[in-house]
């Protein structure tokens, strides 16, 4: 639900309540319905944002264990020479 749409509905309810002089049962039920819908929509959007954030953090913290060409070269040298040597480092 769009914020401007919510504001428009709230203004209409406010004007109707002022014109009537009190909150009628109809106005009260519309207000409750509007609040319930707004909170449900906000909760859904919050859950979607949390899911996106969790996914982004998981990708960012992930480790693909890919070696750079230089690291592969050094690893081959270490494998050939044993535990390593000064030339490798």
N, C-alpha and C. Protein backbone atom coordinates (compact mmCIF):
# COMPACT_ATOMS: atom_id res chain seq x y z
N UNK A 1 0.85 -1.18 0.00
CA UNK A 1 0.00 0.00 0.00
C UNK A 1 0.90 1.24 0.00
N UNK A 2 0.52 2.19 -0.79
CA UNK A 2 1.28 3.42 -0.94
C UNK A 2 1.00 4.39 0.21
N UNK A 3 2.04 5.08 0.65
CA UNK A 3 1.90 6.01 1.76
C UNK A 3 0.94 7.15 1.42
N UNK A 4 0.96 7.62 0.19
CA UNK A 4 0.06 8.70 -0.22
C UNK A 4 -1.40 8.22 -0.18
N UNK A 5 -1.63 6.98 -0.55
CA UNK A 5 -2.98 6.42 -0.51
C UNK A 5 -3.48 6.33 0.94
N UNK A 6 -2.60 5.93 1.83
CA UNK A 6 -2.95 5.85 3.25
C UNK A 6 -3.29 7.23 3.79
N UNK A 7 -2.46 8.22 3.45
CA UNK A 7 -2.71 9.58 3.90
C UNK A 7 -4.05 10.10 3.38
N UNK A 8 -4.35 9.79 2.13
CA UNK A 8 -5.61 10.24 1.54
C UNK A 8 -6.80 9.64 2.29
N UNK A 9 -6.74 8.34 2.58
CA UNK A 9 -7.83 7.69 3.30
C UNK A 9 -7.97 8.23 4.73
N UNK A 10 -6.84 8.48 5.37
CA UNK A 10 -6.89 9.04 6.73
C UNK A 10 -7.49 10.45 6.72
N UNK A 11 -7.15 11.25 5.72
CA UNK A 11 -7.72 12.61 5.62
C UNK A 11 -9.22 12.54 5.42
N UNK A 12 -9.66 11.60 4.56
CA UNK A 12 -11.09 11.45 4.32
C UNK A 12 -11.81 11.05 5.61
N UNK A 13 -11.23 10.12 6.35
CA UNK A 13 -11.82 9.70 7.62
C UNK A 13 -11.86 10.86 8.62
N UNK A 14 -10.77 11.61 8.69
CA UNK A 14 -10.70 12.77 9.60
C UNK A 14 -11.79 13.78 9.28
N UNK A 15 -11.93 14.08 7.99
CA UNK A 15 -12.94 15.06 7.58
C UNK A 15 -14.35 14.56 7.88
N UNK A 16 -14.60 13.27 7.65
CA UNK A 16 -15.92 12.71 7.93
C UNK A 16 -16.22 12.75 9.43
N UNK A 17 -15.23 12.43 10.25
CA UNK A 17 -15.41 12.44 11.71
C UNK A 17 -15.67 13.86 12.20
N UNK A 18 -14.95 14.83 11.64
CA UNK A 18 -15.18 16.24 12.03
C UNK A 18 -16.59 16.69 11.64
N UNK A 19 -17.01 16.27 10.44
CA UNK A 19 -18.34 16.67 9.97
C UNK A 19 -19.44 16.05 10.83
N UNK A 20 -19.23 14.79 11.23
CA UNK A 20 -20.23 14.10 12.04
C UNK A 20 -20.20 14.55 13.50
N UNK A 21 -19.06 15.01 13.95
CA UNK A 21 -18.92 15.44 15.33
C UNK A 21 -18.50 14.33 16.28
N UNK A 22 -18.54 13.09 15.82
CA UNK A 22 -18.06 11.95 16.62
C UNK A 22 -17.68 10.80 15.68
N UNK A 23 -17.09 9.79 16.25
CA UNK A 23 -16.68 8.63 15.45
C UNK A 23 -17.85 7.66 15.36
N UNK A 24 -18.36 7.49 14.17
CA UNK A 24 -19.45 6.54 13.97
C UNK A 24 -18.88 5.12 13.90
N UNK A 25 -19.76 4.14 13.99
CA UNK A 25 -19.31 2.75 13.90
C UNK A 25 -18.66 2.45 12.55
N UNK A 26 -19.20 3.05 11.51
CA UNK A 26 -18.65 2.86 10.16
C UNK A 26 -17.24 3.43 10.08
N UNK A 27 -17.07 4.64 10.57
CA UNK A 27 -15.75 5.29 10.54
C UNK A 27 -14.74 4.51 11.38
N UNK A 28 -15.19 4.04 12.52
CA UNK A 28 -14.29 3.27 13.38
C UNK A 28 -13.87 1.97 12.72
N UNK A 29 -14.80 1.29 12.08
CA UNK A 29 -14.45 0.03 11.42
C UNK A 29 -13.52 0.28 10.23
N UNK A 30 -13.76 1.38 9.48
CA UNK A 30 -12.86 1.72 8.37
C UNK A 30 -11.46 2.05 8.87
N UNK A 31 -11.39 2.77 9.98
CA UNK A 31 -10.08 3.11 10.55
C UNK A 31 -9.35 1.86 11.02
N UNK A 32 -10.05 0.98 11.70
CA UNK A 32 -9.43 -0.27 12.14
C UNK A 32 -8.95 -1.11 10.94
N UNK A 33 -9.77 -1.15 9.92
CA UNK A 33 -9.40 -1.90 8.71
C UNK A 33 -8.17 -1.31 8.06
N UNK A 34 -8.14 0.02 7.95
CA UNK A 34 -6.99 0.70 7.36
C UNK A 34 -5.72 0.45 8.17
N UNK A 35 -5.81 0.54 9.48
CA UNK A 35 -4.65 0.29 10.33
C UNK A 35 -4.17 -1.16 10.22
N UNK A 36 -5.11 -2.09 10.19
CA UNK A 36 -4.75 -3.50 10.08
C UNK A 36 -4.04 -3.77 8.76
N UNK A 37 -4.61 -3.25 7.66
CA UNK A 37 -4.00 -3.44 6.35
C UNK A 37 -2.61 -2.80 6.28
N UNK A 38 -2.49 -1.61 6.84
CA UNK A 38 -1.21 -0.90 6.81
C UNK A 38 -0.14 -1.66 7.60
N UNK A 39 -0.51 -2.14 8.78
CA UNK A 39 0.45 -2.89 9.59
C UNK A 39 0.83 -4.21 8.93
N UNK A 40 -0.12 -4.88 8.32
CA UNK A 40 0.17 -6.14 7.63
C UNK A 40 1.12 -5.90 6.45
N UNK A 41 0.85 -4.85 5.69
CA UNK A 41 1.71 -4.51 4.55
C UNK A 41 3.12 -4.15 5.02
N UNK A 42 3.20 -3.34 6.06
CA UNK A 42 4.50 -2.94 6.59
C UNK A 42 5.28 -4.15 7.09
N UNK A 43 4.59 -5.09 7.74
CA UNK A 43 5.24 -6.29 8.24
C UNK A 43 5.78 -7.13 7.09
N UNK A 44 5.00 -7.27 6.02
CA UNK A 44 5.45 -8.03 4.86
C UNK A 44 6.68 -7.39 4.22
N UNK A 45 6.64 -6.07 4.08
CA UNK A 45 7.78 -5.36 3.49
C UNK A 45 9.02 -5.50 4.37
N UNK A 46 8.84 -5.45 5.67
CA UNK A 46 9.96 -5.62 6.59
C UNK A 46 10.57 -7.02 6.46
N UNK A 47 9.73 -8.03 6.36
CA UNK A 47 10.23 -9.39 6.20
C UNK A 47 10.99 -9.55 4.89
N UNK A 48 10.49 -8.93 3.82
CA UNK A 48 11.19 -8.99 2.53
C UNK A 48 12.55 -8.32 2.62
N UNK A 49 12.62 -7.17 3.29
CA UNK A 49 13.89 -6.48 3.45
C UNK A 49 14.87 -7.30 4.29
N UNK A 50 14.38 -7.94 5.35
CA UNK A 50 15.24 -8.77 6.18
C UNK A 50 15.76 -9.96 5.39
N UNK A 51 14.93 -10.54 4.54
CA UNK A 51 15.35 -11.66 3.71
C UNK A 51 16.43 -11.22 2.73
N UNK A 52 16.23 -10.07 2.10
CA UNK A 52 17.23 -9.56 1.16
C UNK A 52 18.54 -9.26 1.88
N UNK A 53 18.46 -8.67 3.06
CA UNK A 53 19.66 -8.35 3.82
C UNK A 53 20.40 -9.62 4.22
N UNK A 54 19.68 -10.60 4.69
CA UNK A 54 20.30 -11.87 5.08
C UNK A 54 20.98 -12.52 3.89
N UNK A 55 20.33 -12.49 2.73
CA UNK A 55 20.91 -13.08 1.53
C UNK A 55 22.18 -12.33 1.11
N UNK A 56 22.13 -11.00 1.20
CA UNK A 56 23.30 -10.20 0.84
C UNK A 56 24.47 -10.47 1.78
N UNK A 57 24.18 -10.58 3.07
CA UNK A 57 25.24 -10.86 4.03
C UNK A 57 25.81 -12.26 3.85
N UNK A 58 24.98 -13.21 3.50
CA UNK A 58 25.45 -14.58 3.29
C UNK A 58 26.39 -14.65 2.09
N UNK A 59 26.05 -13.92 1.03
CA UNK A 59 26.91 -13.91 -0.15
C UNK A 59 28.22 -13.21 0.16
N UNK A 60 28.13 -12.13 0.89
CA UNK A 60 29.31 -11.35 1.22
C UNK A 60 30.27 -12.14 2.11
N UNK A 61 29.74 -12.90 3.06
CA UNK A 61 30.59 -13.62 4.00
C UNK A 61 31.01 -14.99 3.46
N UNK A 62 30.44 -15.39 2.34
CA UNK A 62 30.75 -16.71 1.80
C UNK A 62 32.20 -16.81 1.34
N UNK A 63 32.71 -18.02 1.30
CA UNK A 63 34.07 -18.28 0.87
C UNK A 63 34.01 -19.31 -0.23
N UNK A 64 34.43 -18.91 -1.42
CA UNK A 64 34.35 -19.84 -2.54
C UNK A 64 35.62 -20.68 -2.69
N UNK A 65 36.63 -20.42 -1.86
CA UNK A 65 37.88 -21.16 -1.87
C UNK A 65 38.56 -21.18 -3.23
N UNK A 66 38.38 -20.16 -4.00
CA UNK A 66 39.03 -20.06 -5.30
C UNK A 66 40.42 -19.47 -5.12
N UNK A 67 41.39 -20.07 -5.75
CA UNK A 67 42.76 -19.59 -5.67
C UNK A 67 43.08 -18.71 -6.87
N UNK A 68 43.87 -17.69 -6.63
CA UNK A 68 44.32 -16.84 -7.72
C UNK A 68 45.42 -17.60 -8.47
N UNK A 69 45.72 -17.20 -9.69
CA UNK A 69 46.80 -17.88 -10.44
C UNK A 69 48.14 -17.88 -9.68
N UNK A 70 48.43 -16.78 -9.00
CA UNK A 70 49.67 -16.71 -8.22
C UNK A 70 49.65 -17.71 -7.07
N UNK A 71 48.50 -17.83 -6.39
CA UNK A 71 48.38 -18.79 -5.30
C UNK A 71 48.52 -20.22 -5.81
N UNK A 72 47.95 -20.51 -6.98
CA UNK A 72 48.07 -21.85 -7.57
C UNK A 72 49.53 -22.16 -7.88
N UNK A 73 50.25 -21.19 -8.41
CA UNK A 73 51.67 -21.36 -8.74
C UNK A 73 52.48 -21.67 -7.47
N UNK A 74 52.23 -20.91 -6.41
CA UNK A 74 52.93 -21.14 -5.15
C UNK A 74 52.57 -22.50 -4.55
N UNK A 75 51.32 -22.90 -4.67
CA UNK A 75 50.90 -24.19 -4.14
C UNK A 75 51.61 -25.32 -4.88
N UNK A 76 51.73 -25.22 -6.20
CA UNK A 76 52.44 -26.25 -6.96
C UNK A 76 53.90 -26.33 -6.52
N UNK A 77 54.52 -25.18 -6.27
CA UNK A 77 55.91 -25.18 -5.82
C UNK A 77 56.05 -25.84 -4.44
N UNK A 78 55.11 -25.55 -3.55
CA UNK A 78 55.15 -26.13 -2.22
C UNK A 78 54.95 -27.65 -2.31
N UNK A 79 54.04 -28.07 -3.17
CA UNK A 79 53.81 -29.51 -3.33
C UNK A 79 55.04 -30.21 -3.87
N UNK A 80 55.78 -29.56 -4.78
CA UNK A 80 56.98 -30.17 -5.38
C UNK A 80 58.15 -30.19 -4.41
N UNK A 81 58.30 -29.12 -3.60
CA UNK A 81 59.48 -29.01 -2.75
C UNK A 81 59.26 -29.55 -1.35
N UNK A 82 58.04 -29.96 -1.03
CA UNK A 82 57.79 -30.49 0.31
C UNK A 82 57.00 -29.48 1.12
N UNK A 83 57.51 -29.15 2.31
CA UNK A 83 56.78 -28.25 3.19
C UNK A 83 56.95 -26.78 2.85
N UNK A 84 57.80 -26.46 1.91
CA UNK A 84 57.99 -25.08 1.52
C UNK A 84 59.45 -24.70 1.61
N UNK A 85 59.80 -23.60 1.03
CA UNK A 85 61.17 -23.12 1.08
C UNK A 85 61.16 -21.60 1.04
N UNK A 86 62.30 -21.01 1.19
CA UNK A 86 62.39 -19.56 1.16
C UNK A 86 62.07 -19.01 -0.20
N UNK A 87 62.31 -19.76 -1.25
CA UNK A 87 62.04 -19.30 -2.60
C UNK A 87 60.52 -19.12 -2.84
N UNK A 88 59.74 -19.97 -2.22
CA UNK A 88 58.28 -19.88 -2.40
C UNK A 88 57.75 -18.64 -1.73
N UNK A 89 58.25 -18.32 -0.58
CA UNK A 89 57.76 -17.18 0.19
C UNK A 89 58.51 -15.95 -0.23
